[in-house]
Amino acid sequence: MRERLLVYATAGWFAVMVAVHALVFEPMADGQKAPDSRFGGYTYDAFAGWAGALDPSERLSFLRWHSGFLDFVFPVLLMAALFTLMLAALRQFERFRRQPSWIRTMVPLVLIAPYGLFDYLENGLVAEMLRGTTPINEVSVGLAATYTVLKFGAVAIAFSGTAVFWFVARRQKPV
């Protein structure tokens, strides 16, 4: 039950984020997608164009609602949902259930935590650039873009690990 509730809450939160981006943030940025939604990263020119399309009040709105609220909560929800799903799948393995509790906790954490780390690093750096405390230059944008790519790679690993554990657990059950 807990797994479903977290999955539904995460999916709902994600849907709200997508809607807010499509209906509010993209129109503010002249139709440009926010950098953190670009799977393959972004260039300095793309980031500078997006940031330049936002006036100071729009930057503040993005920082408050996206960085400070929506995309601050989402990684925690997604990590919690993936953690509980992965743990539920792993509990179906007798050998896993016999492991010490710290191992049972660490296995999902090792597969899920990198996503959260890279997402928060990315969000923080983008926010610092929008605030003007970090300059928007090739180096800072390159680092933020790297965090974006690593975030998407890490979440793909977390989803894949969860799916593999569920698939193997289902296959080992007697028919």
Protein backbone atom coordinates (compact mmCIF):
# COMPACT_ATOMS: atom_id res chain seq x y z
CA MET A 1 0.00 0.00 0.00
CA ARG A 2 2.79 2.42 0.94
CA GLU A 3 4.49 1.79 -2.39
CA ARG A 4 1.35 2.63 -4.35
CA LEU A 5 0.70 5.76 -2.36
CA LEU A 6 4.22 7.03 -2.97
CA VAL A 7 4.05 6.15 -6.66
CA TYR A 8 0.73 7.98 -7.05
CA ALA A 9 1.97 11.00 -5.10
CA THR A 10 5.15 11.11 -7.19
CA ALA A 11 3.26 10.75 -10.46
CA GLY A 12 0.80 13.44 -9.41
CA TRP A 13 3.60 15.80 -8.36
CA PHE A 14 5.37 15.15 -11.67
CA ALA A 15 2.16 15.89 -13.59
CA VAL A 16 1.79 19.19 -11.74
CA MET A 17 5.43 20.07 -12.53
CA VAL A 18 4.95 19.30 -16.22
CA ALA A 19 1.76 21.36 -16.34
CA VAL A 20 3.36 24.32 -14.55
CA HIS A 21 6.31 24.18 -16.92
CA ALA A 22 4.12 23.99 -20.01
CA LEU A 23 1.59 26.59 -18.90
CA VAL A 24 3.76 29.03 -16.94
CA PHE A 25 7.52 28.70 -17.27
CA GLU A 26 7.85 27.90 -20.97
CA PRO A 27 5.68 30.87 -22.03
CA MET A 28 7.77 33.12 -19.75
CA ALA A 29 10.92 31.90 -21.53
CA ASP A 30 9.51 32.50 -25.02
CA GLY A 31 8.57 28.81 -25.40
CA GLN A 32 11.97 27.44 -24.37
CA LYS A 33 12.13 24.40 -22.09
CA ALA A 34 13.95 24.75 -18.79
CA PRO A 35 17.49 23.39 -18.97
CA ASP A 36 16.92 20.70 -16.36
CA SER A 37 14.35 19.01 -18.60
CA ARG A 38 16.83 18.47 -21.47
CA PHE A 39 17.96 14.84 -21.34
CA GLY A 40 21.14 15.39 -23.33
CA GLY A 41 22.21 18.48 -21.44
CA TYR A 42 22.54 21.89 -23.04
CA THR A 43 25.07 24.34 -24.38
CA TYR A 44 26.10 27.70 -23.03
CA ASP A 45 24.15 29.41 -25.84
CA ALA A 46 20.98 27.43 -25.07
CA PHE A 47 21.20 28.17 -21.34
CA ALA A 48 22.06 31.83 -21.84
CA GLY A 49 19.17 32.18 -24.30
CA TRP A 50 16.74 30.61 -21.84
CA ALA A 51 17.99 32.65 -18.87
CA GLY A 52 18.03 35.82 -20.98
CA ALA A 53 14.40 35.31 -21.96
CA LEU A 54 13.36 35.60 -18.30
CA ASP A 55 13.01 39.07 -16.85
CA PRO A 56 13.98 39.56 -13.16
CA SER A 57 10.49 38.89 -11.82
CA GLU A 58 10.18 35.75 -13.97
CA ARG A 59 13.56 34.53 -12.69
CA LEU A 60 12.34 35.10 -9.15
CA SER A 61 9.14 33.21 -9.92
CA PHE A 62 11.12 30.31 -11.41
CA LEU A 63 13.45 30.25 -8.41
CA ARG A 64 10.58 30.34 -5.93
CA TRP A 65 8.16 27.90 -7.56
CA HIS A 66 10.37 25.57 -9.56
CA SER A 67 13.67 25.47 -7.72
CA GLY A 68 12.37 26.31 -4.26
CA PHE A 69 9.24 24.19 -4.23
CA LEU A 70 8.27 21.90 -7.12
CA ASP A 71 11.71 20.57 -8.04
CA PHE A 72 12.85 20.66 -4.43
CA VAL A 73 10.14 18.19 -3.36
CA PHE A 74 10.08 16.00 -6.48
CA PRO A 75 13.50 14.31 -6.09
CA VAL A 76 12.64 13.31 -2.53
CA LEU A 77 9.30 11.86 -3.63
CA LEU A 78 10.86 10.00 -6.54
CA MET A 79 13.68 8.61 -4.42
CA ALA A 80 11.23 7.51 -1.71
CA ALA A 81 8.96 5.83 -4.26
CA LEU A 82 11.85 4.04 -5.96
CA PHE A 83 13.34 3.05 -2.60
CA THR A 84 10.12 1.47 -1.36
CA LEU A 85 9.45 -0.25 -4.69
CA MET A 86 12.98 -1.61 -4.88
CA LEU A 87 12.92 -2.74 -1.27
CA ALA A 88 9.58 -4.49 -1.80
CA ALA A 89 11.02 -6.36 -4.76
CA LEU A 90 14.22 -7.28 -2.93
CA ARG A 91 12.28 -8.57 0.09
CA GLN A 92 10.97 -11.33 -2.12
CA PHE A 93 14.46 -12.85 -2.20
CA GLU A 94 15.16 -15.13 0.75
CA ARG A 95 18.88 -14.41 0.61
CA PHE A 96 18.25 -10.65 0.75
CA ARG A 97 15.91 -10.98 3.74
CA ARG A 98 18.69 -12.75 5.68
CA GLN A 99 21.13 -9.86 5.22
CA PRO A 100 21.83 -7.37 8.01
CA SER A 101 19.49 -4.38 7.97
CA TRP A 102 22.27 -1.99 6.92
CA ILE A 103 22.86 -4.02 3.75
CA ARG A 104 19.14 -4.20 3.04
CA THR A 105 19.07 -0.40 3.29
CA MET A 106 22.28 0.29 1.38
CA VAL A 107 21.49 -1.75 -1.75
CA PRO A 108 18.56 0.45 -2.82
CA LEU A 109 20.28 3.61 -1.58
CA VAL A 110 23.38 2.99 -3.69
CA LEU A 111 21.20 2.64 -6.79
CA ILE A 112 18.88 5.57 -6.04
CA ALA A 113 20.87 8.24 -4.17
CA PRO A 114 23.06 9.32 -7.13
CA TYR A 115 19.92 10.58 -8.88
CA GLY A 116 19.04 12.82 -5.94
CA LEU A 117 22.59 14.04 -5.55
CA PHE A 118 22.93 15.07 -9.20
CA ASP A 119 19.43 16.58 -9.33
CA TYR A 120 20.08 18.77 -6.29
CA LEU A 121 23.55 19.76 -7.54
CA GLU A 122 22.01 20.72 -10.88
CA ASN A 123 19.11 22.63 -9.29
CA GLY A 124 21.44 24.48 -6.96
CA LEU A 125 23.85 25.53 -9.68
CA VAL A 126 21.07 26.65 -12.02
CA ALA A 127 19.53 28.65 -9.16
CA GLU A 128 22.88 30.27 -8.34
CA MET A 129 23.32 31.27 -11.99
CA LEU A 130 19.80 32.73 -12.13
CA ARG A 131 20.43 34.67 -8.90
CA GLY A 132 23.67 36.02 -10.32
CA THR A 133 25.85 34.60 -7.52
CA THR A 134 27.53 32.26 -10.02
CA PRO A 135 28.34 33.71 -13.43
CA ILE A 136 26.64 32.25 -16.49
CA ASN A 137 29.68 31.15 -18.45
CA GLU A 138 30.94 28.11 -20.34
CA VAL A 139 32.32 26.48 -17.18
CA SER A 140 29.29 26.86 -14.91
CA VAL A 141 26.81 25.99 -17.67
CA GLY A 142 28.96 23.02 -18.70
CA LEU A 143 28.98 21.76 -15.12
CA ALA A 144 25.22 22.24 -14.77
CA ALA A 145 24.66 20.43 -18.09
CA THR A 146 26.88 17.58 -16.87
CA TYR A 147 24.79 17.32 -13.70
CA THR A 148 21.67 17.18 -15.89
CA VAL A 149 23.03 14.31 -17.98
CA LEU A 150 24.23 12.48 -14.86
CA LYS A 151 20.84 12.99 -13.21
CA PHE A 152 19.00 11.39 -16.11
CA GLY A 153 21.55 8.57 -16.33
CA ALA A 154 21.28 7.91 -12.60
CA VAL A 155 17.48 7.87 -12.63
CA ALA A 156 17.57 5.47 -15.59
CA ILE A 157 19.81 3.16 -13.55
CA ALA A 158 17.47 3.42 -10.54
CA PHE A 159 14.38 2.65 -12.66
CA SER A 160 16.19 -0.19 -14.44
CA GLY A 161 17.41 -1.71 -11.17
CA THR A 162 13.91 -1.58 -9.75
CA ALA A 163 12.44 -3.17 -12.88
CA VAL A 164 15.07 -5.92 -12.97
CA PHE A 165 14.51 -6.79 -9.30
CA TRP A 166 10.75 -6.99 -9.84
CA PHE A 167 11.14 -9.04 -13.02
CA VAL A 168 13.50 -11.56 -11.37
CA ALA A 169 11.35 -11.75 -8.25
CA ARG A 170 8.25 -12.50 -10.34
CA ARG A 171 10.08 -15.13 -12.38
CA GLN A 172 11.26 -17.03 -9.31
CA LYS A 173 7.77 -17.34 -7.81
CA PRO A 174 6.13 -20.72 -8.37
CA VAL A 175 3.37 -20.72 -10.96
